[in-house]
C-alpha atoms as a PDB file:
ATOM      1  CA  MET A   1      90.967 115.932  88.394  1.00  0.00           C
ATOM      2  CA  ASN A   2      90.053 116.086  92.169  1.00  0.00           C
ATOM      3  CA  LEU A   3      87.800 119.139  93.363  1.00  0.00           C
ATOM      4  CA  HIS A   4      88.836 118.302  97.099  1.00  0.00           C
ATOM      5  CA  ALA A   5      92.410 120.149  96.308  1.00  0.00           C
ATOM      6  CA  PRO A   6      94.011 122.564  98.088  1.00  0.00           C
ATOM      7  CA  VAL A   7      93.383 126.263  97.714  1.00  0.00           C
ATOM      8  CA  ARG A   8      96.486 127.801  98.422  1.00  0.00           C
ATOM      9  CA  PRO A   9      97.854 129.807 100.209  1.00  0.00           C
ATOM     10  CA  ASP A  10      94.869 129.466 103.023  1.00  0.00           C
ATOM     11  CA  TRP A  11      94.412 126.070 102.010  1.00  0.00           C
ATOM     12  CA  THR A  12      90.293 125.865 102.483  1.00  0.00           C
ATOM     13  CA  CYS A  13      88.832 123.063  99.908  1.00  0.00           C
ATOM     14  CA  ALA A  14      88.177 124.249  96.484  1.00  0.00           C
ATOM     15  CA  GLY A  15      85.224 121.017  96.463  1.00  0.00           C
ATOM     16  CA  CYS A  16      83.613 122.325 100.067  1.00  0.00           C
ATOM     17  CA  GLY A  17      85.001 125.465 101.266  1.00  0.00           C
ATOM     18  CA  GLY A  18      86.205 123.794 104.340  1.00  0.00           C
ATOM     19  CA  HIS A  19      90.240 123.245 105.967  1.00  0.00           C
ATOM     20  CA  TRP A  20      91.693 121.379 103.380  1.00  0.00           C
ATOM     21  CA  PRO A  21      91.992 118.091 104.068  1.00  0.00           C
ATOM     22  CA  CYS A  22      87.776 118.009 104.389  1.00  0.00           C
ATOM     23  CA  HIS A  23      86.788 114.385 105.275  1.00  0.00           C
ATOM     24  CA  THR A  24      85.861 113.946 101.423  1.00  0.00           C
ATOM     25  CA  ARG A  25      89.447 114.386 100.820  1.00  0.00           C
ATOM     26  CA  ARG A  26      90.668 112.566 103.212  1.00  0.00           C
ATOM     27  CA  SER A  27      88.472 109.107 102.441  1.00  0.00           C
ATOM     28  CA  GLN A  28      89.641 110.127  98.965  1.00  0.00           C
ATOM     29  CA  LEU A  29      93.311 109.847 100.523  1.00  0.00           C
ATOM     30  CA  LEU A  30      92.358 106.342 102.116  1.00  0.00           C
ATOM     31  CA  ALA A  31      91.779 105.122  99.247  1.00  0.00           C
ATOM     32  CA  GLU A  32      93.626 105.795  97.096  1.00  0.00           C
ATOM     33  CA  PHE A  33      96.696 104.852  99.431  1.00  0.00           C
ATOM     34  CA  ASP A  34      95.511 101.114 100.540  1.00  0.00           C
ATOM     35  CA  GLY A  35      98.428  99.283 101.394  1.00  0.00           C
ATOM     36  CA  ALA A  36     100.352 101.968 101.593  1.00  0.00           C
ATOM     37  CA  PRO A  37     100.093 104.030 104.549  1.00  0.00           C
ATOM     38  CA  ALA A  38     103.645 105.796 104.189  1.00  0.00           C
ATOM     39  CA  SER A  39     103.589 106.756 101.494  1.00  0.00           C
ATOM     40  CA  LEU A  40     100.528 108.899 102.404  1.00  0.00           C
ATOM     41  CA  THR A  41     102.049 110.058 106.002  1.00  0.00           C
ATOM     42  CA  LEU A  42     105.296 111.252 103.072  1.00  0.00           C
ATOM     43  CA  LEU A  43     102.337 113.104 101.502  1.00  0.00           C
ATOM     44  CA  MET A  44     100.482 114.678 104.092  1.00  0.00           C
ATOM     45  CA  GLY A  45     103.982 115.499 105.472  1.00  0.00           C
ATOM     46  CA  GLY A  46     105.000 117.592 102.370  1.00  0.00           C
ATOM     47  CA  HIS A  47     101.652 119.625 102.187  1.00  0.00           C
ATOM     48  CA  PHE A  48     101.948 120.217 106.744  1.00  0.00           C
ATOM     49  CA  ILE A  49     105.743 121.691 105.889  1.00  0.00           C
ATOM     50  CA  ASP A  50     103.836 123.617 102.663  1.00  0.00           C
ATOM     51  CA  ALA A  51     100.786 124.318 104.722  1.00  0.00           C
ATOM     52  CA  ALA A  52     103.117 125.776 107.754  1.00  0.00           C
ATOM     53  CA  GLN A  53     105.150 127.761 105.411  1.00  0.00           C
ATOM     54  CA  ASP A  54     102.097 129.677 104.602  1.00  0.00           C
ATOM     55  CA  LEU A  55      99.915 129.450 107.343  1.00  0.00           C
ATOM     56  CA  ARG A  56     102.478 131.190 109.728  1.00  0.00           C
ATOM     57  CA  THR A  57     100.058 132.717 112.374  1.00  0.00           C
ATOM     58  CA  GLU A  58      98.677 129.122 112.541  1.00  0.00           C
ATOM     59  CA  PRO A  59      99.412 127.425 115.849  1.00  0.00           C
ATOM     60  CA  ALA A  60     101.747 124.414 114.775  1.00  0.00           C
ATOM     61  CA  HIS A  61      99.971 121.310 116.771  1.00  0.00           C
ATOM     62  CA  LEU A  62      96.477 122.521 115.140  1.00  0.00           C
ATOM     63  CA  LEU A  63      98.129 122.199 111.838  1.00  0.00           C
ATOM     64  CA  TYR A  64     100.069 119.494 112.784  1.00  0.00           C
ATOM     65  CA  GLU A  65      96.354 117.976 113.731  1.00  0.00           C
ATOM     66  CA  ARG A  66      95.001 119.074 110.534  1.00  0.00           C
ATOM     67  CA  PHE A  67      97.368 116.716 108.397  1.00  0.00           C
ATOM     68  CA  MET A  68      98.772 114.367 109.868  1.00  0.00           C
ATOM     69  CA  GLY A  69      96.738 113.525 112.922  1.00  0.00           C
ATOM     70  CA  TRP A  70      94.234 111.995 111.605  1.00  0.00           C
ATOM     71  CA  LEU A  71      96.423 109.845 109.732  1.00  0.00           C
ATOM     72  CA  ARG A  72      97.107 107.622 113.197  1.00  0.00           C
ATOM     73  CA  GLN A  73      92.994 107.655 113.865  1.00  0.00           C
ATOM     74  CA  GLN A  74      92.837 104.994 111.199  1.00  0.00           C
ATOM     75  CA  PRO A  75      93.886 100.987 111.735  1.00  0.00           C
ATOM     76  CA  ARG A  76      96.733  99.132 110.986  1.00  0.00           C
ATOM     77  CA  PRO A  77      96.751  96.526 108.710  1.00  0.00           C
ATOM     78  CA  ASP A  78      97.594  94.206 111.249  1.00  0.00           C
ATOM     79  CA  ASP A  79      95.070  95.680 114.387  1.00  0.00           C
ATOM     80  CA  ASP A  80      92.714  92.559 113.428  1.00  0.00           C
ATOM     81  CA  GLN A  81      94.469  89.963 113.170  1.00  0.00           C
ATOM     82  CA  GLU A  82      95.571  87.323 116.792  1.00  0.00           C
ATOM     83  CA  PRO A  83      98.539  87.477 117.745  1.00  0.00           C
END
């Protein structure tokens, strides 16, 4: 069982009380989906849609950054290879 699960409808972290996905959960997700970034993006996209429905007063750009923005900050597998 993951202690850093989302608590809906306010999308807080059950483990630490912060905004979900918290830093700990982001690290866990990166480890769980290592080598499968498209799958992680699809998962987080689904959570983004659910959160947008639950958090209707939250600006969309803030929800996007919270659920999707951190994904593009991760290095791509071929970023460390020479052309």
